[in-house]
Amino acid sequence: MKLIGIGFGNMVNAERVIAVVSPDSNPMKRMIATGKENGMLIDATQGRKTKSVILMDSDHIVLSYLSVENLETKMGQEESI
């Protein structure tokens, strides 16, 4: 299992990530609102601005304060736990 740090000591399983996207578009804002309504939203921003949205294969939506580019770099590293 490969875990990726998404900030503040929080991690996600890299093998279950479908996509990492920017939260700025209207479709992503609607997806975040729907996830919140359905109880599938995980906010890992610690109150900071959301810079990336991580979509998981379990239909969970994870919010992170790290940028899409930063997470892309982290996912490219071979660091298994």
N, C-alpha and C. Protein backbone atom coordinates (compact mmCIF):
# COMPACT_ATOMS: atom_id res chain seq x y z
N MET A 1 0.86 -1.17 0.00
CA MET A 1 0.00 0.00 0.00
C MET A 1 0.90 1.23 0.00
N LYS A 2 0.60 2.18 -0.87
CA LYS A 2 1.36 3.43 -0.96
C LYS A 2 0.48 4.56 -0.44
N LEU A 3 0.92 5.21 0.63
CA LEU A 3 0.18 6.31 1.21
C LEU A 3 0.80 7.63 0.77
N ILE A 4 -0.05 8.59 0.45
CA ILE A 4 0.38 9.91 0.02
C ILE A 4 -0.06 10.93 1.06
N GLY A 5 0.89 11.75 1.55
CA GLY A 5 0.56 12.81 2.49
C GLY A 5 -0.17 13.94 1.78
N ILE A 6 -1.32 14.32 2.33
CA ILE A 6 -2.11 15.40 1.72
C ILE A 6 -2.14 16.64 2.60
N GLY A 7 -1.26 16.67 3.60
CA GLY A 7 -1.15 17.83 4.47
C GLY A 7 -1.61 17.58 5.88
N PHE A 8 -0.93 18.21 6.82
CA PHE A 8 -1.27 18.14 8.25
C PHE A 8 -1.28 16.72 8.80
N GLY A 9 -0.43 15.86 8.27
CA GLY A 9 -0.34 14.48 8.75
C GLY A 9 -1.42 13.57 8.20
N ASN A 10 -2.27 14.06 7.33
CA ASN A 10 -3.33 13.25 6.72
C ASN A 10 -2.78 12.55 5.49
N MET A 11 -3.25 11.33 5.25
CA MET A 11 -2.78 10.53 4.12
C MET A 11 -3.95 9.84 3.43
N VAL A 12 -3.75 9.56 2.15
CA VAL A 12 -4.72 8.76 1.39
C VAL A 12 -3.97 7.62 0.72
N ASN A 13 -4.68 6.55 0.44
CA ASN A 13 -4.11 5.41 -0.25
C ASN A 13 -4.01 5.74 -1.74
N ALA A 14 -2.80 5.84 -2.24
CA ALA A 14 -2.56 6.24 -3.64
C ALA A 14 -3.19 5.26 -4.63
N GLU A 15 -3.32 4.01 -4.24
CA GLU A 15 -3.88 3.00 -5.14
C GLU A 15 -5.38 3.18 -5.34
N ARG A 16 -6.03 3.97 -4.48
CA ARG A 16 -7.47 4.16 -4.58
C ARG A 16 -7.86 5.52 -5.13
N VAL A 17 -6.85 6.33 -5.48
CA VAL A 17 -7.11 7.66 -6.04
C VAL A 17 -7.48 7.53 -7.52
N ILE A 18 -8.59 8.14 -7.90
CA ILE A 18 -9.01 8.16 -9.30
C ILE A 18 -8.46 9.41 -9.97
N ALA A 19 -8.59 10.57 -9.30
CA ALA A 19 -8.15 11.83 -9.91
C ALA A 19 -7.85 12.85 -8.84
N VAL A 20 -6.97 13.79 -9.19
CA VAL A 20 -6.69 14.96 -8.37
C VAL A 20 -6.97 16.15 -9.25
N VAL A 21 -7.95 16.98 -8.86
CA VAL A 21 -8.40 18.07 -9.70
C VAL A 21 -8.49 19.38 -8.93
N SER A 22 -8.55 20.47 -9.67
CA SER A 22 -8.70 21.80 -9.09
C SER A 22 -10.16 22.00 -8.67
N PRO A 23 -10.40 22.70 -7.57
CA PRO A 23 -11.77 22.89 -7.08
C PRO A 23 -12.49 24.09 -7.67
N ASP A 24 -11.88 24.77 -8.64
CA ASP A 24 -12.40 26.05 -9.09
C ASP A 24 -13.57 25.99 -10.06
N SER A 25 -13.76 24.90 -10.77
CA SER A 25 -14.84 24.85 -11.77
C SER A 25 -16.20 24.62 -11.10
N ASN A 26 -17.24 25.05 -11.78
CA ASN A 26 -18.59 24.86 -11.24
C ASN A 26 -18.97 23.39 -11.08
N PRO A 27 -18.62 22.50 -12.02
CA PRO A 27 -18.94 21.08 -11.80
C PRO A 27 -18.28 20.51 -10.53
N MET A 28 -17.04 20.94 -10.26
CA MET A 28 -16.37 20.44 -9.05
C MET A 28 -17.03 21.01 -7.79
N LYS A 29 -17.45 22.26 -7.85
CA LYS A 29 -18.15 22.85 -6.71
C LYS A 29 -19.45 22.11 -6.43
N ARG A 30 -20.17 21.73 -7.51
CA ARG A 30 -21.40 20.95 -7.34
C ARG A 30 -21.09 19.57 -6.78
N MET A 31 -20.00 18.95 -7.25
CA MET A 31 -19.63 17.63 -6.77
C MET A 31 -19.27 17.68 -5.28
N ILE A 32 -18.58 18.73 -4.86
CA ILE A 32 -18.24 18.90 -3.45
C ILE A 32 -19.50 19.06 -2.61
N ALA A 33 -20.45 19.88 -3.09
CA ALA A 33 -21.71 20.09 -2.37
C ALA A 33 -22.50 18.79 -2.26
N THR A 34 -22.54 18.01 -3.34
CA THR A 34 -23.23 16.73 -3.32
C THR A 34 -22.57 15.76 -2.36
N GLY A 35 -21.24 15.73 -2.37
CA GLY A 35 -20.50 14.86 -1.45
C GLY A 35 -20.78 15.21 0.00
N LYS A 36 -20.89 16.51 0.27
CA LYS A 36 -21.18 16.95 1.64
C LYS A 36 -22.57 16.51 2.06
N GLU A 37 -23.55 16.66 1.16
CA GLU A 37 -24.93 16.24 1.45
C GLU A 37 -25.01 14.74 1.71
N ASN A 38 -24.23 13.95 0.97
CA ASN A 38 -24.29 12.49 1.07
C ASN A 38 -23.36 11.91 2.14
N GLY A 39 -22.62 12.77 2.82
CA GLY A 39 -21.70 12.28 3.86
C GLY A 39 -20.46 11.62 3.30
N MET A 40 -20.10 11.94 2.07
CA MET A 40 -18.94 11.33 1.43
C MET A 40 -17.76 12.31 1.30
N LEU A 41 -17.86 13.48 1.94
CA LEU A 41 -16.83 14.49 1.85
C LEU A 41 -15.91 14.41 3.06
N ILE A 42 -14.60 14.42 2.80
CA ILE A 42 -13.59 14.44 3.86
C ILE A 42 -12.79 15.72 3.69
N ASP A 43 -12.90 16.63 4.65
CA ASP A 43 -12.21 17.91 4.58
C ASP A 43 -10.92 17.82 5.38
N ALA A 44 -9.79 17.77 4.67
CA ALA A 44 -8.47 17.66 5.31
C ALA A 44 -7.70 18.97 5.18
N THR A 45 -8.42 20.09 5.07
CA THR A 45 -7.76 21.39 4.86
C THR A 45 -7.41 22.10 6.16
N GLN A 46 -7.94 21.65 7.28
CA GLN A 46 -7.71 22.29 8.57
C GLN A 46 -8.10 23.77 8.54
N GLY A 47 -9.16 24.09 7.80
CA GLY A 47 -9.67 25.45 7.73
C GLY A 47 -8.98 26.33 6.71
N ARG A 48 -8.02 25.80 6.00
CA ARG A 48 -7.32 26.58 4.97
C ARG A 48 -8.07 26.49 3.64
N LYS A 49 -7.63 27.29 2.66
CA LYS A 49 -8.27 27.29 1.36
C LYS A 49 -8.06 25.95 0.65
N THR A 50 -9.11 25.42 0.05
CA THR A 50 -9.02 24.18 -0.70
C THR A 50 -8.34 24.46 -2.03
N LYS A 51 -7.21 23.76 -2.27
CA LYS A 51 -6.47 23.94 -3.51
C LYS A 51 -6.56 22.72 -4.42
N SER A 52 -7.02 21.58 -3.87
CA SER A 52 -7.17 20.39 -4.70
C SER A 52 -8.28 19.50 -4.14
N VAL A 53 -8.88 18.76 -5.05
CA VAL A 53 -9.94 17.80 -4.70
C VAL A 53 -9.46 16.44 -5.17
N ILE A 54 -9.48 15.48 -4.25
CA ILE A 54 -9.03 14.12 -4.55
C ILE A 54 -10.27 13.22 -4.63
N LEU A 55 -10.46 12.61 -5.79
CA LEU A 55 -11.60 11.71 -5.98
C LEU A 55 -11.12 10.28 -5.78
N MET A 56 -11.80 9.54 -4.91
CA MET A 56 -11.42 8.18 -4.56
C MET A 56 -12.35 7.18 -5.23
N ASP A 57 -11.89 5.94 -5.37
CA ASP A 57 -12.71 4.91 -6.00
C ASP A 57 -13.88 4.46 -5.14
N SER A 58 -13.90 4.88 -3.88
CA SER A 58 -15.00 4.56 -2.97
C SER A 58 -16.09 5.63 -3.00
N ASP A 59 -15.99 6.56 -3.96
CA ASP A 59 -16.89 7.71 -4.10
C ASP A 59 -16.70 8.78 -3.03
N HIS A 60 -15.66 8.65 -2.21
CA HIS A 60 -15.33 9.71 -1.26
C HIS A 60 -14.64 10.84 -2.00
N ILE A 61 -14.85 12.05 -1.50
CA ILE A 61 -14.20 13.24 -2.04
C ILE A 61 -13.38 13.83 -0.91
N VAL A 62 -12.07 13.98 -1.15
CA VAL A 62 -11.15 14.48 -0.13
C VAL A 62 -10.66 15.86 -0.55
N LEU A 63 -10.80 16.83 0.35
CA LEU A 63 -10.32 18.18 0.09
C LEU A 63 -8.95 18.36 0.73
N SER A 64 -8.02 18.99 0.00
CA SER A 64 -6.68 19.22 0.51
C SER A 64 -6.26 20.66 0.25
N TYR A 65 -5.41 21.19 1.13
CA TYR A 65 -4.90 22.54 0.92
C TYR A 65 -3.66 22.52 0.03
N LEU A 66 -3.11 21.34 -0.26
CA LEU A 66 -1.97 21.25 -1.16
C LEU A 66 -2.44 21.41 -2.60
N SER A 67 -1.61 22.01 -3.44
CA SER A 67 -1.97 22.23 -4.83
C SER A 67 -1.97 20.92 -5.61
N VAL A 68 -2.64 20.94 -6.75
CA VAL A 68 -2.68 19.77 -7.64
C VAL A 68 -1.26 19.41 -8.06
N GLU A 69 -0.45 20.40 -8.38
CA GLU A 69 0.93 20.16 -8.82
C GLU A 69 1.76 19.52 -7.71
N ASN A 70 1.57 19.96 -6.48
CA ASN A 70 2.29 19.40 -5.34
C ASN A 70 1.91 17.94 -5.13
N LEU A 71 0.62 17.64 -5.20
CA LEU A 71 0.17 16.25 -5.03
C LEU A 71 0.65 15.38 -6.19
N GLU A 72 0.70 15.96 -7.39
CA GLU A 72 1.20 15.22 -8.55
C GLU A 72 2.65 14.79 -8.30
N THR A 73 3.44 15.70 -7.78
CA THR A 73 4.83 15.40 -7.46
C THR A 73 4.93 14.29 -6.41
N LYS A 74 4.10 14.40 -5.36
CA LYS A 74 4.12 13.39 -4.30
C LYS A 74 3.70 12.02 -4.82
N MET A 75 2.73 11.98 -5.72
CA MET A 75 2.25 10.70 -6.23
C MET A 75 3.28 10.06 -7.16
N GLY A 76 4.15 10.86 -7.74
CA GLY A 76 5.20 10.34 -8.62
C GLY A 76 6.35 9.74 -7.86
N GLN A 77 6.49 10.04 -6.58
CA GLN A 77 7.59 9.52 -5.77
C GLN A 77 7.30 8.08 -5.38
N GLU A 78 8.33 7.27 -5.33
CA GLU A 78 8.19 5.87 -4.93
C GLU A 78 8.52 5.74 -3.44
N GLU A 79 7.52 6.05 -2.60
CA GLU A 79 7.72 5.97 -1.16
C GLU A 79 6.60 5.15 -0.57
N SER A 80 6.84 3.88 -0.37
CA SER A 80 5.81 2.98 0.13
C SER A 80 5.91 2.83 1.63
N ILE A 81 4.76 2.62 2.25
CA ILE A 81 4.72 2.39 3.70
C ILE A 81 4.12 1.01 3.94
